[in-house]
Amino acid sequence: MRNVPTSATSQSAHVRRTGLALVAALVVASLASLSAHVVRGLVFPGIATAFVSSPSAAADAPVPVAWGTQDTGLRVVCFYVANTSLPRADRPGWPRITGVGFELPGTLSGFSLLTPLDGDWELVEDVHASLPGHGEVTLDFALVAPANPTGRTPGRPHDPAGIPPGQQAARGAGTRFCVSGPFPASLNGTQPTTIEQIINGVVVGFHGIEGDHPSTDVGVWDNVLRVIPLYPN
């Protein structure tokens, strides 16, 4: 076999490096442009599905809360949660989303639900959630609809709380939540936090998946980047 001239070898190596750099740039660009999150149940991925998104764009950022000119360290985050599960033929109002929680780096507290405030949701901190096949993770906060083990709301058996199925996988669909709290200014120590980055750690709870008895599932972002736990201690 003939030896390749040194100049040709150098040129070939340069082409390979350029190609690799281009691929890396495209990957980074694609990750940076990720917009909204498809969520699938860990037990019933084809049945329990959701769509979670920031209000208007992938670059939406938490809004700082200031006291005069002083930053309080608190920020407001708004996001939408749509239940994209298909309605059941035997129970069209099910499955329902009855919980939405978030993994964040560190141990944070002091979160408050700003909207909706109609009584169908409450905010709970330091929630230990069991994710089928992955063990337990700690959610810094979760928004929980009042429900008994069957998923129905006490005192309202025919008008359950939670998010009903059959909604669109589109930004702005579903229920809008706004939460204030000590959201980090940066999740990775370098780039400013965006709401879509916060949604990377979303955990969604479903009730009424199938059958007449309690049937639940827990869903996470359907992406290879979603490791569990997202922020190991």
C-alpha atoms as a PDB file:
ATOM      1  CA  MET A   1       0.000   0.000   0.000  1.00  0.00           C
ATOM      2  CA  ARG A   2       1.336   3.446  -0.873  1.00  0.00           C
ATOM      3  CA  ASN A   3       2.179   5.840   1.923  1.00  0.00           C
ATOM      4  CA  VAL A   4      -0.043   8.887   2.015  1.00  0.00           C
ATOM      5  CA  PRO A   5       1.977  12.092   1.647  1.00  0.00           C
ATOM      6  CA  THR A   6       2.365  14.077   4.852  1.00  0.00           C
ATOM      7  CA  SER A   7       0.567  17.101   3.419  1.00  0.00           C
ATOM      8  CA  ALA A   8      -2.430  14.969   2.434  1.00  0.00           C
ATOM      9  CA  THR A   9      -2.478  13.333   5.865  1.00  0.00           C
ATOM     10  CA  SER A  10      -2.475  16.747   7.511  1.00  0.00           C
ATOM     11  CA  GLN A  11      -5.248  17.960   5.238  1.00  0.00           C
ATOM     12  CA  SER A  12      -7.331  14.847   5.958  1.00  0.00           C
ATOM     13  CA  ALA A  13      -6.873  15.296   9.711  1.00  0.00           C
ATOM     14  CA  HIS A  14      -7.897  18.931   9.383  1.00  0.00           C
ATOM     15  CA  VAL A  15     -11.045  17.923   7.509  1.00  0.00           C
ATOM     16  CA  ARG A  16     -11.913  15.350  10.191  1.00  0.00           C
ATOM     17  CA  ARG A  17     -11.367  17.893  12.987  1.00  0.00           C
ATOM     18  CA  THR A  18     -13.490  20.428  11.146  1.00  0.00           C
ATOM     19  CA  GLY A  19     -16.234  17.850  10.660  1.00  0.00           C
ATOM     20  CA  LEU A  20     -16.184  16.843  14.310  1.00  0.00           C
ATOM     21  CA  ALA A  21     -16.285  20.483  15.393  1.00  0.00           C
ATOM     22  CA  LEU A  22     -19.279  21.076  13.118  1.00  0.00           C
ATOM     23  CA  VAL A  23     -21.117  18.042  14.513  1.00  0.00           C
ATOM     24  CA  ALA A  24     -20.390  19.168  18.087  1.00  0.00           C
ATOM     25  CA  ALA A  25     -21.662  22.655  17.281  1.00  0.00           C
ATOM     26  CA  LEU A  26     -24.860  21.228  15.789  1.00  0.00           C
ATOM     27  CA  VAL A  27     -25.426  19.067  18.877  1.00  0.00           C
ATOM     28  CA  VAL A  28     -24.934  22.037  21.209  1.00  0.00           C
ATOM     29  CA  ALA A  29     -27.243  24.152  19.066  1.00  0.00           C
ATOM     30  CA  SER A  30     -29.929  21.463  19.051  1.00  0.00           C
ATOM     31  CA  LEU A  31     -29.757  21.126  22.850  1.00  0.00           C
ATOM     32  CA  ALA A  32     -29.903  24.881  23.284  1.00  0.00           C
ATOM     33  CA  SER A  33     -33.020  25.071  21.090  1.00  0.00           C
ATOM     34  CA  LEU A  34     -34.939  22.355  22.912  1.00  0.00           C
ATOM     35  CA  SER A  35     -38.438  23.699  23.349  1.00  0.00           C
ATOM     36  CA  ALA A  36     -40.937  22.135  25.719  1.00  0.00           C
ATOM     37  CA  HIS A  37     -40.875  18.630  27.124  1.00  0.00           C
ATOM     38  CA  VAL A  38     -42.747  15.461  26.234  1.00  0.00           C
ATOM     39  CA  VAL A  39     -43.331  13.403  29.390  1.00  0.00           C
ATOM     40  CA  ARG A  40     -44.082   9.671  29.392  1.00  0.00           C
ATOM     41  CA  GLY A  41     -45.048   7.367  32.220  1.00  0.00           C
ATOM     42  CA  LEU A  42     -42.387   4.946  33.389  1.00  0.00           C
ATOM     43  CA  VAL A  43     -44.869   2.052  33.594  1.00  0.00           C
ATOM     44  CA  PHE A  44     -47.383   3.029  30.877  1.00  0.00           C
ATOM     45  CA  PRO A  45     -45.348   5.181  28.449  1.00  0.00           C
ATOM     46  CA  GLY A  46     -47.904   4.820  25.676  1.00  0.00           C
ATOM     47  CA  ILE A  47     -50.888   5.701  27.862  1.00  0.00           C
ATOM     48  CA  ALA A  48     -49.747   8.252  30.453  1.00  0.00           C
ATOM     49  CA  THR A  49     -48.322  11.267  28.596  1.00  0.00           C
ATOM     50  CA  ALA A  50     -47.962  14.985  29.218  1.00  0.00           C
ATOM     51  CA  PHE A  51     -46.504  18.114  27.640  1.00  0.00           C
ATOM     52  CA  VAL A  52     -44.762  20.667  29.870  1.00  0.00           C
ATOM     53  CA  SER A  53     -43.565  24.005  28.513  1.00  0.00           C
ATOM     54  CA  SER A  54     -42.431  27.508  29.355  1.00  0.00           C
ATOM     55  CA  PRO A  55     -44.942  30.288  28.578  1.00  0.00           C
ATOM     56  CA  SER A  56     -43.687  31.716  25.291  1.00  0.00           C
ATOM     57  CA  ALA A  57     -40.258  30.470  24.158  1.00  0.00           C
ATOM     58  CA  ALA A  58     -37.385  28.140  24.947  1.00  0.00           C
ATOM     59  CA  ALA A  59     -35.371  31.109  26.249  1.00  0.00           C
ATOM     60  CA  ASP A  60     -37.988  32.190  28.826  1.00  0.00           C
ATOM     61  CA  ALA A  61     -36.190  32.994  32.094  1.00  0.00           C
ATOM     62  CA  PRO A  62     -37.356  33.162  35.726  1.00  0.00           C
ATOM     63  CA  VAL A  63     -38.337  36.694  36.748  1.00  0.00           C
ATOM     64  CA  PRO A  64     -36.302  38.079  39.700  1.00  0.00           C
ATOM     65  CA  VAL A  65     -38.231  39.475  42.656  1.00  0.00           C
ATOM     66  CA  ALA A  66     -36.628  42.719  43.849  1.00  0.00           C
ATOM     67  CA  TRP A  67     -37.186  44.898  46.906  1.00  0.00           C
ATOM     68  CA  GLY A  68     -36.390  48.313  45.533  1.00  0.00           C
ATOM     69  CA  THR A  69     -32.990  47.823  43.937  1.00  0.00           C
ATOM     70  CA  GLN A  70     -32.096  44.806  46.072  1.00  0.00           C
ATOM     71  CA  ASP A  71     -32.404  41.277  44.688  1.00  0.00           C
ATOM     72  CA  THR A  72     -34.306  39.133  47.195  1.00  0.00           C
ATOM     73  CA  GLY A  73     -32.913  35.889  45.784  1.00  0.00           C
ATOM     74  CA  LEU A  74     -36.444  34.860  44.835  1.00  0.00           C
ATOM     75  CA  ARG A  75     -37.658  34.314  41.295  1.00  0.00           C
ATOM     76  CA  VAL A  76     -41.016  33.619  39.674  1.00  0.00           C
ATOM     77  CA  VAL A  77     -41.353  30.740  37.245  1.00  0.00           C
ATOM     78  CA  CYS A  78     -44.462  30.099  35.139  1.00  0.00           C
ATOM     79  CA  PHE A  79     -45.063  27.002  33.026  1.00  0.00           C
ATOM     80  CA  TYR A  80     -47.869  25.044  31.392  1.00  0.00           C
ATOM     81  CA  VAL A  81     -48.801  21.403  31.953  1.00  0.00           C
ATOM     82  CA  ALA A  82     -51.027  19.654  29.408  1.00  0.00           C
ATOM     83  CA  ASN A  83     -52.377  16.131  29.827  1.00  0.00           C
ATOM     84  CA  THR A  84     -51.888  14.626  26.375  1.00  0.00           C
ATOM     85  CA  SER A  85     -53.058  11.146  27.428  1.00  0.00           C
ATOM     86  CA  LEU A  86     -55.895   9.780  25.326  1.00  0.00           C
ATOM     87  CA  PRO A  87     -59.200   9.722  27.243  1.00  0.00           C
ATOM     88  CA  ARG A  88     -60.217   6.225  28.269  1.00  0.00           C
ATOM     89  CA  ALA A  89     -63.160   4.737  26.376  1.00  0.00           C
ATOM     90  CA  ASP A  90     -64.781   3.532  29.617  1.00  0.00           C
ATOM     91  CA  ARG A  91     -63.916   6.620  31.696  1.00  0.00           C
ATOM     92  CA  PRO A  92     -63.431   9.630  29.381  1.00  0.00           C
ATOM     93  CA  GLY A  93     -62.229  11.921  32.188  1.00  0.00           C
ATOM     94  CA  TRP A  94     -59.251   9.698  32.923  1.00  0.00           C
ATOM     95  CA  PRO A  95     -56.288   9.307  33.268  1.00  0.00           C
ATOM     96  CA  ARG A  96     -55.745  12.574  35.141  1.00  0.00           C
ATOM     97  CA  ILE A  97     -52.594  14.416  36.139  1.00  0.00           C
ATOM     98  CA  THR A  98     -52.693  14.838  39.909  1.00  0.00           C
ATOM     99  CA  GLY A  99     -49.141  15.948  40.655  1.00  0.00           C
ATOM    100  CA  VAL A 100     -46.276  17.923  39.109  1.00  0.00           C
ATOM    101  CA  GLY A 101     -42.924  18.149  40.898  1.00  0.00           C
ATOM    102  CA  PHE A 102     -39.376  19.263  40.167  1.00  0.00           C
ATOM    103  CA  GLU A 103     -35.852  18.124  40.905  1.00  0.00           C
ATOM    104  CA  LEU A 104     -33.478  21.057  41.392  1.00  0.00           C
ATOM    105  CA  PRO A 105     -29.796  21.151  42.363  1.00  0.00           C
ATOM    106  CA  GLY A 106     -29.056  21.475  46.068  1.00  0.00           C
ATOM    107  CA  THR A 107     -31.589  21.555  48.875  1.00  0.00           C
ATOM    108  CA  LEU A 108     -34.010  24.431  48.435  1.00  0.00           C
ATOM    109  CA  SER A 109     -37.086  25.613  50.324  1.00  0.00           C
ATOM    110  CA  GLY A 110     -39.368  28.625  50.471  1.00  0.00           C
ATOM    111  CA  PHE A 111     -41.480  28.010  47.377  1.00  0.00           C
ATOM    112  CA  SER A 112     -45.022  29.401  47.067  1.00  0.00           C
ATOM    113  CA  LEU A 113     -47.816  28.746  44.588  1.00  0.00           C
ATOM    114  CA  LEU A 114     -48.969  32.018  43.019  1.00  0.00           C
ATOM    115  CA  THR A 115     -51.493  30.650  40.549  1.00  0.00           C
ATOM    116  CA  PRO A 116     -53.889  28.875  40.263  1.00  0.00           C
ATOM    117  CA  LEU A 117     -55.308  29.563  43.714  1.00  0.00           C
ATOM    118  CA  ASP A 118     -58.736  27.975  43.280  1.00  0.00           C
ATOM    119  CA  GLY A 119     -58.077  25.228  45.832  1.00  0.00           C
ATOM    120  CA  ASP A 120     -57.486  22.445  43.331  1.00  0.00           C
ATOM    121  CA  TRP A 121     -53.717  22.533  43.863  1.00  0.00           C
ATOM    122  CA  GLU A 122     -51.391  22.873  46.812  1.00  0.00           C
ATOM    123  CA  LEU A 123     -47.626  23.215  46.959  1.00  0.00           C
ATOM    124  CA  VAL A 124     -45.646  20.722  49.044  1.00  0.00           C
ATOM    125  CA  GLU A 125     -41.873  20.878  49.617  1.00  0.00           C
ATOM    126  CA  ASP A 126     -39.275  18.133  50.099  1.00  0.00           C
ATOM    127  CA  VAL A 127     -41.352  15.406  48.444  1.00  0.00           C
ATOM    128  CA  HIS A 128     -39.908  11.885  48.260  1.00  0.00           C
ATOM    129  CA  ALA A 129     -41.195  10.397  45.024  1.00  0.00           C
ATOM    130  CA  SER A 130     -40.858   6.746  44.043  1.00  0.00           C
ATOM    131  CA  LEU A 131     -40.037   6.363  40.345  1.00  0.00           C
ATOM    132  CA  PRO A 132     -40.694   2.827  39.076  1.00  0.00           C
ATOM    133  CA  GLY A 133     -37.455   1.137  38.105  1.00  0.00           C
ATOM    134  CA  HIS A 134     -35.322   3.996  39.419  1.00  0.00           C
ATOM    135  CA  GLY A 135     -35.853   4.124  43.163  1.00  0.00           C
ATOM    136  CA  GLU A 136     -36.676   7.284  45.081  1.00  0.00           C
ATOM    137  CA  VAL A 137     -35.868  10.893  44.234  1.00  0.00           C
ATOM    138  CA  THR A 138     -36.376  14.054  46.259  1.00  0.00           C
ATOM    139  CA  LEU A 139     -38.440  16.798  44.660  1.00  0.00           C
ATOM    140  CA  ASP A 140     -37.725  20.290  45.955  1.00  0.00           C
ATOM    141  CA  PHE A 141     -41.411  21.064  45.527  1.00  0.00           C
ATOM    142  CA  ALA A 142     -44.508  19.497  44.014  1.00  0.00           C
ATOM    143  CA  LEU A 143     -47.931  20.795  43.049  1.00  0.00           C
ATOM    144  CA  VAL A 144     -50.474  18.263  44.198  1.00  0.00           C
ATOM    145  CA  ALA A 145     -54.199  18.003  43.494  1.00  0.00           C
ATOM    146  CA  PRO A 146     -56.285  16.783  46.458  1.00  0.00           C
ATOM    147  CA  ALA A 147     -57.055  13.151  45.662  1.00  0.00           C
ATOM    148  CA  ASN A 148     -57.738   9.919  47.524  1.00  0.00           C
ATOM    149  CA  PRO A 149     -56.052   6.638  46.476  1.00  0.00           C
ATOM    150  CA  THR A 150     -58.492   6.271  43.572  1.00  0.00           C
ATOM    151  CA  GLY A 151     -57.627   9.723  42.240  1.00  0.00           C
ATOM    152  CA  ARG A 152     -60.964  11.270  43.180  1.00  0.00           C
ATOM    153  CA  THR A 153     -61.256  14.465  45.195  1.00  0.00           C
ATOM    154  CA  PRO A 154     -62.823  14.045  48.657  1.00  0.00           C
ATOM    155  CA  GLY A 155     -66.279  15.590  48.696  1.00  0.00           C
ATOM    156  CA  ARG A 156     -66.287  15.877  44.899  1.00  0.00           C
ATOM    157  CA  PRO A 157     -66.494  12.304  43.578  1.00  0.00           C
ATOM    158  CA  HIS A 158     -68.000  13.430  40.265  1.00  0.00           C
ATOM    159  CA  ASP A 159     -65.834  16.535  39.870  1.00  0.00           C
ATOM    160  CA  PRO A 160     -62.258  15.394  40.493  1.00  0.00           C
ATOM    161  CA  ALA A 161     -59.373  17.832  40.660  1.00  0.00           C
ATOM    162  CA  GLY A 162     -56.330  17.494  38.449  1.00  0.00           C
ATOM    163  CA  ILE A 163     -55.780  17.932  34.734  1.00  0.00           C
ATOM    164  CA  PRO A 164     -58.083  15.922  32.413  1.00  0.00           C
ATOM    165  CA  PRO A 165     -56.813  14.030  29.344  1.00  0.00           C
ATOM    166  CA  GLY A 166     -57.128  14.814  25.660  1.00  0.00           C
ATOM    167  CA  GLN A 167     -55.189  18.095  25.620  1.00  0.00           C
ATOM    168  CA  GLN A 168     -52.856  19.276  22.873  1.00  0.00           C
ATOM    169  CA  ALA A 169     -49.077  18.901  22.939  1.00  0.00           C
ATOM    170  CA  ALA A 170     -48.636  22.619  22.342  1.00  0.00           C
ATOM    171  CA  ARG A 171     -47.138  25.537  24.206  1.00  0.00           C
ATOM    172  CA  GLY A 172     -49.813  27.262  26.246  1.00  0.00           C
ATOM    173  CA  ALA A 173     -52.086  24.193  26.401  1.00  0.00           C
ATOM    174  CA  GLY A 174     -53.304  22.802  29.695  1.00  0.00           C
ATOM    175  CA  THR A 175     -52.996  24.470  33.095  1.00  0.00           C
ATOM    176  CA  ARG A 176     -50.705  27.399  33.791  1.00  0.00           C
ATOM    177  CA  PHE A 177     -48.796  27.350  37.064  1.00  0.00           C
ATOM    178  CA  CYS A 178     -46.730  30.194  38.535  1.00  0.00           C
ATOM    179  CA  VAL A 179     -44.421  29.522  41.476  1.00  0.00           C
ATOM    180  CA  SER A 180     -42.109  31.834  43.407  1.00  0.00           C
ATOM    181  CA  GLY A 181     -39.040  30.599  45.236  1.00  0.00           C
ATOM    182  CA  PRO A 182     -35.252  30.430  45.417  1.00  0.00           C
ATOM    183  CA  PHE A 183     -34.747  29.150  41.884  1.00  0.00           C
ATOM    184  CA  PRO A 184     -30.988  29.134  41.188  1.00  0.00           C
ATOM    185  CA  ALA A 185     -29.610  31.875  38.938  1.00  0.00           C
ATOM    186  CA  SER A 186     -27.709  29.105  37.130  1.00  0.00           C
ATOM    187  CA  LEU A 187     -28.305  25.361  37.129  1.00  0.00           C
ATOM    188  CA  ASN A 188     -24.894  24.464  35.733  1.00  0.00           C
ATOM    189  CA  GLY A 189     -22.757  27.242  37.204  1.00  0.00           C
ATOM    190  CA  THR A 190     -22.166  28.977  33.883  1.00  0.00           C
ATOM    191  CA  GLN A 191     -25.335  29.729  31.915  1.00  0.00           C
ATOM    192  CA  PRO A 192     -28.310  31.729  33.242  1.00  0.00           C
ATOM    193  CA  THR A 193     -31.247  29.516  34.179  1.00  0.00           C
ATOM    194  CA  THR A 194     -34.123  29.160  31.733  1.00  0.00           C
ATOM    195  CA  ILE A 195     -37.541  27.757  32.553  1.00  0.00           C
ATOM    196  CA  GLU A 196     -37.035  24.955  30.047  1.00  0.00           C
ATOM    197  CA  GLN A 197     -33.885  23.912  31.950  1.00  0.00           C
ATOM    198  CA  ILE A 198     -35.931  23.772  35.144  1.00  0.00           C
ATOM    199  CA  ILE A 199     -38.483  21.595  33.356  1.00  0.00           C
ATOM    200  CA  ASN A 200     -35.717  19.069  32.633  1.00  0.00           C
ATOM    201  CA  GLY A 201     -36.291  17.838  36.179  1.00  0.00           C
ATOM    202  CA  VAL A 202     -40.082  17.581  35.998  1.00  0.00           C
ATOM    203  CA  VAL A 203     -41.887  14.571  37.487  1.00  0.00           C
ATOM    204  CA  VAL A 204     -45.581  14.106  36.646  1.00  0.00           C
ATOM    205  CA  GLY A 205     -48.035  11.944  38.587  1.00  0.00           C
ATOM    206  CA  PHE A 206     -50.993  10.217  36.892  1.00  0.00           C
ATOM    207  CA  HIS A 207     -54.128   8.582  38.340  1.00  0.00           C
ATOM    208  CA  GLY A 208     -56.710   6.290  36.747  1.00  0.00           C
ATOM    209  CA  ILE A 209     -54.568   4.717  34.048  1.00  0.00           C
ATOM    210  CA  GLU A 210     -56.637   1.574  33.614  1.00  0.00           C
ATOM    211  CA  GLY A 211     -59.145  -0.719  35.352  1.00  0.00           C
ATOM    212  CA  ASP A 212     -61.635   0.013  38.108  1.00  0.00           C
ATOM    213  CA  HIS A 213     -59.114   0.030  40.934  1.00  0.00           C
ATOM    214  CA  PRO A 214     -56.416   2.615  41.692  1.00  0.00           C
ATOM    215  CA  SER A 215     -53.927   2.637  38.840  1.00  0.00           C
ATOM    216  CA  THR A 216     -51.128   5.186  38.942  1.00  0.00           C
ATOM    217  CA  ASP A 217     -47.959   6.071  37.083  1.00  0.00           C
ATOM    218  CA  VAL A 218     -45.127   8.578  37.290  1.00  0.00           C
ATOM    219  CA  GLY A 219     -43.698  10.222  34.200  1.00  0.00           C
ATOM    220  CA  VAL A 220     -40.475  12.085  33.390  1.00  0.00           C
ATOM    221  CA  TRP A 221     -39.055  13.919  30.385  1.00  0.00           C
ATOM    222  CA  ASP A 222     -38.781  11.470  27.485  1.00  0.00           C
ATOM    223  CA  ASN A 223     -35.165  12.192  26.552  1.00  0.00           C
ATOM    224  CA  VAL A 224     -31.824  10.416  26.971  1.00  0.00           C
ATOM    225  CA  LEU A 225     -30.574  13.521  28.780  1.00  0.00           C
ATOM    226  CA  ARG A 226     -33.052  12.822  31.599  1.00  0.00           C
ATOM    227  CA  VAL A 227     -31.016  10.752  34.023  1.00  0.00           C
ATOM    228  CA  ILE A 228     -32.529   9.780  37.375  1.00  0.00           C
ATOM    229  CA  PRO A 229     -31.803  11.399  39.732  1.00  0.00           C
ATOM    230  CA  LEU A 230     -31.058  14.484  37.670  1.00  0.00           C
ATOM    231  CA  TYR A 231     -28.980  16.100  40.418  1.00  0.00           C
ATOM    232  CA  PRO A 232     -27.299  13.401  42.525  1.00  0.00           C
ATOM    233  CA  ASN A 233     -26.232  14.506  46.003  1.00  0.00           C
END
